[in-house]
Amino acid sequence: MRGVIVAAFLAALSVTFFSYAERAEAGVMVQIDRGSQTMAVSVDGIHRYNWRVSTGRAGFGTPSGVFHPRSMAAHWLSHKYYNAPMPHAIFFYGGLAIHGSYHIAQLGGPASHGCIRLHPSNAAMLFGIVRREGMQNTTIVVQ
């Protein structure tokens, strides 16, 4: 009887462990490298995309750290910067967001007021992924 109880306990423990391990890999990981001005996107632990970005220029740095989306807006205008369009905005820190930009020639170099700019089609793709997978399952790492 004792062996059956121990076996049941170990089985329950392994199910719990593997469920936790699967959840740890599940979701969306967005990694921004300010040095190379690139973004890498992984979904459920599988690398999906590498995109050029623009982060904060001198005097307007993009903060480093680990963040989670706070809100999302498919159509947004910057209230602070002359109603500049911010399509497919994913807000992660105060008024800072990952969003599409029509200044695509600047992608690959620091150019923003702190936001993380993407090509509009890439921003739409990322927005769809985060909406599908859930903001609570999305991690944004800025280095």
C-alpha atoms as a PDB file:
ATOM      1  CA  MET A   1       0.000   0.000   0.000  1.00  0.00           C
ATOM      2  CA  ARG A   2       2.836   2.353   0.876  1.00  0.00           C
ATOM      3  CA  GLY A   3       4.391   1.806  -2.558  1.00  0.00           C
ATOM      4  CA  VAL A   4       1.117   2.736  -4.260  1.00  0.00           C
ATOM      5  CA  ILE A   5       0.894   5.964  -2.244  1.00  0.00           C
ATOM      6  CA  VAL A   6       4.501   6.886  -3.052  1.00  0.00           C
ATOM      7  CA  ALA A   7       3.956   6.112  -6.752  1.00  0.00           C
ATOM      8  CA  ALA A   8       0.792   8.243  -6.820  1.00  0.00           C
ATOM      9  CA  PHE A   9       2.620  11.101  -5.097  1.00  0.00           C
ATOM     10  CA  LEU A  10       5.516  10.933  -7.569  1.00  0.00           C
ATOM     11  CA  ALA A  11       3.110  10.810 -10.510  1.00  0.00           C
ATOM     12  CA  ALA A  12       1.249  13.876  -9.234  1.00  0.00           C
ATOM     13  CA  LEU A  13       4.551  15.676  -8.636  1.00  0.00           C
ATOM     14  CA  SER A  14       5.801  14.931 -12.152  1.00  0.00           C
ATOM     15  CA  VAL A  15       2.528  16.125 -13.732  1.00  0.00           C
ATOM     16  CA  THR A  16       2.752  19.343 -11.702  1.00  0.00           C
ATOM     17  CA  PHE A  17       6.422  19.816 -12.606  1.00  0.00           C
ATOM     18  CA  PHE A  18       5.918  19.253 -16.315  1.00  0.00           C
ATOM     19  CA  SER A  19       2.832  21.470 -16.424  1.00  0.00           C
ATOM     20  CA  TYR A  20       4.841  24.244 -14.749  1.00  0.00           C
ATOM     21  CA  ALA A  21       7.765  23.745 -17.144  1.00  0.00           C
ATOM     22  CA  GLU A  22       5.436  23.928 -20.142  1.00  0.00           C
ATOM     23  CA  ARG A  23       3.861  27.123 -18.799  1.00  0.00           C
ATOM     24  CA  ALA A  24       7.313  28.647 -18.237  1.00  0.00           C
ATOM     25  CA  GLU A  25       8.027  28.310 -21.970  1.00  0.00           C
ATOM     26  CA  ALA A  26       4.521  29.265 -23.088  1.00  0.00           C
ATOM     27  CA  GLY A  27       3.655  32.740 -24.220  1.00  0.00           C
ATOM     28  CA  VAL A  28       5.344  35.565 -26.061  1.00  0.00           C
ATOM     29  CA  MET A  29       8.900  36.765 -25.433  1.00  0.00           C
ATOM     30  CA  VAL A  30       9.839  40.093 -27.014  1.00  0.00           C
ATOM     31  CA  GLN A  31      13.542  40.947 -26.673  1.00  0.00           C
ATOM     32  CA  ILE A  32      14.818  44.368 -27.681  1.00  0.00           C
ATOM     33  CA  ASP A  33      18.555  44.942 -28.045  1.00  0.00           C
ATOM     34  CA  ARG A  34      19.216  48.691 -27.942  1.00  0.00           C
ATOM     35  CA  GLY A  35      22.819  48.162 -29.081  1.00  0.00           C
ATOM     36  CA  SER A  36      21.890  46.452 -32.339  1.00  0.00           C
ATOM     37  CA  GLN A  37      18.467  48.147 -32.624  1.00  0.00           C
ATOM     38  CA  THR A  38      16.758  44.814 -33.172  1.00  0.00           C
ATOM     39  CA  MET A  39      13.803  42.915 -31.758  1.00  0.00           C
ATOM     40  CA  ALA A  40      13.531  39.139 -31.488  1.00  0.00           C
ATOM     41  CA  VAL A  41      10.115  37.561 -30.980  1.00  0.00           C
ATOM     42  CA  SER A  42       9.557  34.035 -29.690  1.00  0.00           C
ATOM     43  CA  VAL A  43       6.213  32.294 -29.242  1.00  0.00           C
ATOM     44  CA  ASP A  44       5.949  29.299 -26.924  1.00  0.00           C
ATOM     45  CA  GLY A  45       9.738  29.053 -26.807  1.00  0.00           C
ATOM     46  CA  ILE A  46      10.132  28.985 -30.603  1.00  0.00           C
ATOM     47  CA  HIS A  47      11.974  31.867 -32.276  1.00  0.00           C
ATOM     48  CA  ARG A  48       9.711  33.466 -34.872  1.00  0.00           C
ATOM     49  CA  TYR A  49      10.935  36.913 -35.944  1.00  0.00           C
ATOM     50  CA  ASN A  50      13.877  39.332 -36.013  1.00  0.00           C
ATOM     51  CA  TRP A  51      13.031  42.927 -36.854  1.00  0.00           C
ATOM     52  CA  ARG A  52      14.867  46.243 -36.988  1.00  0.00           C
ATOM     53  CA  VAL A  53      13.607  48.831 -34.505  1.00  0.00           C
ATOM     54  CA  SER A  54      14.285  52.367 -33.386  1.00  0.00           C
ATOM     55  CA  THR A  55      14.587  53.030 -29.676  1.00  0.00           C
ATOM     56  CA  GLY A  56      15.109  56.314 -27.816  1.00  0.00           C
ATOM     57  CA  ARG A  57      17.602  58.776 -29.246  1.00  0.00           C
ATOM     58  CA  ALA A  58      20.043  60.790 -27.113  1.00  0.00           C
ATOM     59  CA  GLY A  59      18.203  62.498 -24.290  1.00  0.00           C
ATOM     60  CA  PHE A  60      15.147  60.237 -24.714  1.00  0.00           C
ATOM     61  CA  GLY A  61      16.415  56.806 -23.712  1.00  0.00           C
ATOM     62  CA  THR A  62      14.293  53.698 -23.748  1.00  0.00           C
ATOM     63  CA  PRO A  63      14.469  52.174 -20.256  1.00  0.00           C
ATOM     64  CA  SER A  64      16.030  48.759 -19.820  1.00  0.00           C
ATOM     65  CA  GLY A  65      14.303  46.049 -17.824  1.00  0.00           C
ATOM     66  CA  VAL A  66      11.636  43.386 -17.912  1.00  0.00           C
ATOM     67  CA  PHE A  67       8.108  44.590 -18.637  1.00  0.00           C
ATOM     68  CA  HIS A  68       4.650  43.297 -19.429  1.00  0.00           C
ATOM     69  CA  PRO A  69       2.075  45.010 -21.630  1.00  0.00           C
ATOM     70  CA  ARG A  70      -0.243  47.324 -19.683  1.00  0.00           C
ATOM     71  CA  SER A  71      -2.628  48.170 -22.500  1.00  0.00           C
ATOM     72  CA  MET A  72      -2.994  47.937 -26.263  1.00  0.00           C
ATOM     73  CA  ALA A  73      -4.548  50.147 -28.932  1.00  0.00           C
ATOM     74  CA  ALA A  74      -4.816  49.351 -32.632  1.00  0.00           C
ATOM     75  CA  HIS A  75      -5.129  53.077 -33.446  1.00  0.00           C
ATOM     76  CA  TRP A  76      -3.453  55.626 -31.188  1.00  0.00           C
ATOM     77  CA  LEU A  77      -2.219  59.178 -31.526  1.00  0.00           C
ATOM     78  CA  SER A  78       0.495  60.587 -29.268  1.00  0.00           C
ATOM     79  CA  HIS A  79      -1.056  63.241 -27.052  1.00  0.00           C
ATOM     80  CA  LYS A  80       2.421  64.444 -26.129  1.00  0.00           C
ATOM     81  CA  TYR A  81       4.033  64.645 -29.577  1.00  0.00           C
ATOM     82  CA  TYR A  82       1.688  66.514 -31.922  1.00  0.00           C
ATOM     83  CA  ASN A  83      -0.776  63.658 -32.464  1.00  0.00           C
ATOM     84  CA  ALA A  84       1.909  61.501 -34.070  1.00  0.00           C
ATOM     85  CA  PRO A  85       0.375  58.199 -35.179  1.00  0.00           C
ATOM     86  CA  MET A  86       1.270  55.134 -33.104  1.00  0.00           C
ATOM     87  CA  PRO A  87      -0.430  52.243 -34.941  1.00  0.00           C
ATOM     88  CA  HIS A  88      -0.707  48.926 -33.148  1.00  0.00           C
ATOM     89  CA  ALA A  89       0.617  50.321 -29.866  1.00  0.00           C
ATOM     90  CA  ILE A  90       1.518  47.973 -27.017  1.00  0.00           C
ATOM     91  CA  PHE A  91       2.070  50.161 -23.944  1.00  0.00           C
ATOM     92  CA  PHE A  92       4.593  48.730 -21.495  1.00  0.00           C
ATOM     93  CA  TYR A  93       5.945  51.581 -19.313  1.00  0.00           C
ATOM     94  CA  GLY A  94       4.078  54.793 -18.631  1.00  0.00           C
ATOM     95  CA  GLY A  95       3.373  56.377 -22.023  1.00  0.00           C
ATOM     96  CA  LEU A  96       6.046  54.293 -23.785  1.00  0.00           C
ATOM     97  CA  ALA A  97       4.946  51.679 -26.276  1.00  0.00           C
ATOM     98  CA  ILE A  98       6.083  49.317 -28.968  1.00  0.00           C
ATOM     99  CA  HIS A  99       4.306  50.635 -32.059  1.00  0.00           C
ATOM    100  CA  GLY A 100       4.422  51.003 -35.805  1.00  0.00           C
ATOM    101  CA  SER A 101       6.173  53.966 -37.384  1.00  0.00           C
ATOM    102  CA  TYR A 102       6.009  55.461 -40.850  1.00  0.00           C
ATOM    103  CA  HIS A 103       9.592  56.713 -40.459  1.00  0.00           C
ATOM    104  CA  ILE A 104      10.908  53.396 -41.741  1.00  0.00           C
ATOM    105  CA  ALA A 105      14.191  54.869 -43.013  1.00  0.00           C
ATOM    106  CA  GLN A 106      15.146  55.466 -39.356  1.00  0.00           C
ATOM    107  CA  LEU A 107      14.640  51.842 -38.299  1.00  0.00           C
ATOM    108  CA  GLY A 108      17.920  50.310 -37.218  1.00  0.00           C
ATOM    109  CA  GLY A 109      19.061  53.415 -35.340  1.00  0.00           C
ATOM    110  CA  PRO A 110      17.926  55.324 -32.234  1.00  0.00           C
ATOM    111  CA  ALA A 111      15.330  57.898 -33.284  1.00  0.00           C
ATOM    112  CA  SER A 112      12.341  57.930 -30.920  1.00  0.00           C
ATOM    113  CA  HIS A 113      11.355  59.784 -27.766  1.00  0.00           C
ATOM    114  CA  GLY A 114      11.681  56.492 -25.857  1.00  0.00           C
ATOM    115  CA  CYS A 115       9.156  54.279 -27.613  1.00  0.00           C
ATOM    116  CA  ILE A 116      10.187  51.228 -29.600  1.00  0.00           C
ATOM    117  CA  ARG A 117       9.301  51.789 -33.246  1.00  0.00           C
ATOM    118  CA  LEU A 118       8.686  49.013 -35.750  1.00  0.00           C
ATOM    119  CA  HIS A 119       7.782  48.811 -39.409  1.00  0.00           C
ATOM    120  CA  PRO A 120       3.959  49.130 -39.523  1.00  0.00           C
ATOM    121  CA  SER A 121       3.449  45.604 -40.894  1.00  0.00           C
ATOM    122  CA  ASN A 122       5.689  44.121 -38.174  1.00  0.00           C
ATOM    123  CA  ALA A 123       3.846  46.124 -35.502  1.00  0.00           C
ATOM    124  CA  ALA A 124       0.526  44.757 -36.778  1.00  0.00           C
ATOM    125  CA  MET A 125       1.901  41.214 -36.674  1.00  0.00           C
ATOM    126  CA  LEU A 126       3.244  41.619 -33.121  1.00  0.00           C
ATOM    127  CA  PHE A 127      -0.028  43.233 -32.002  1.00  0.00           C
ATOM    128  CA  GLY A 128      -1.968  40.231 -33.333  1.00  0.00           C
ATOM    129  CA  ILE A 129       0.334  37.761 -31.607  1.00  0.00           C
ATOM    130  CA  VAL A 130       0.073  39.537 -28.238  1.00  0.00           C
ATOM    131  CA  ARG A 131      -3.711  39.860 -28.576  1.00  0.00           C
ATOM    132  CA  ARG A 132      -4.013  36.144 -29.413  1.00  0.00           C
ATOM    133  CA  GLU A 133      -1.617  34.902 -26.709  1.00  0.00           C
ATOM    134  CA  GLY A 134      -2.664  37.473 -24.088  1.00  0.00           C
ATOM    135  CA  MET A 135      -0.940  40.439 -22.477  1.00  0.00           C
ATOM    136  CA  GLN A 136      -0.522  38.416 -19.270  1.00  0.00           C
ATOM    137  CA  ASN A 137       1.456  35.819 -21.241  1.00  0.00           C
ATOM    138  CA  THR A 138       3.774  38.377 -22.862  1.00  0.00           C
ATOM    139  CA  THR A 139       7.173  39.453 -21.554  1.00  0.00           C
ATOM    140  CA  ILE A 140       9.121  42.389 -22.969  1.00  0.00           C
ATOM    141  CA  VAL A 141      12.850  42.517 -22.228  1.00  0.00           C
ATOM    142  CA  VAL A 142      14.783  45.655 -23.115  1.00  0.00           C
ATOM    143  CA  GLN A 143      18.583  45.418 -22.953  1.00  0.00           C
END
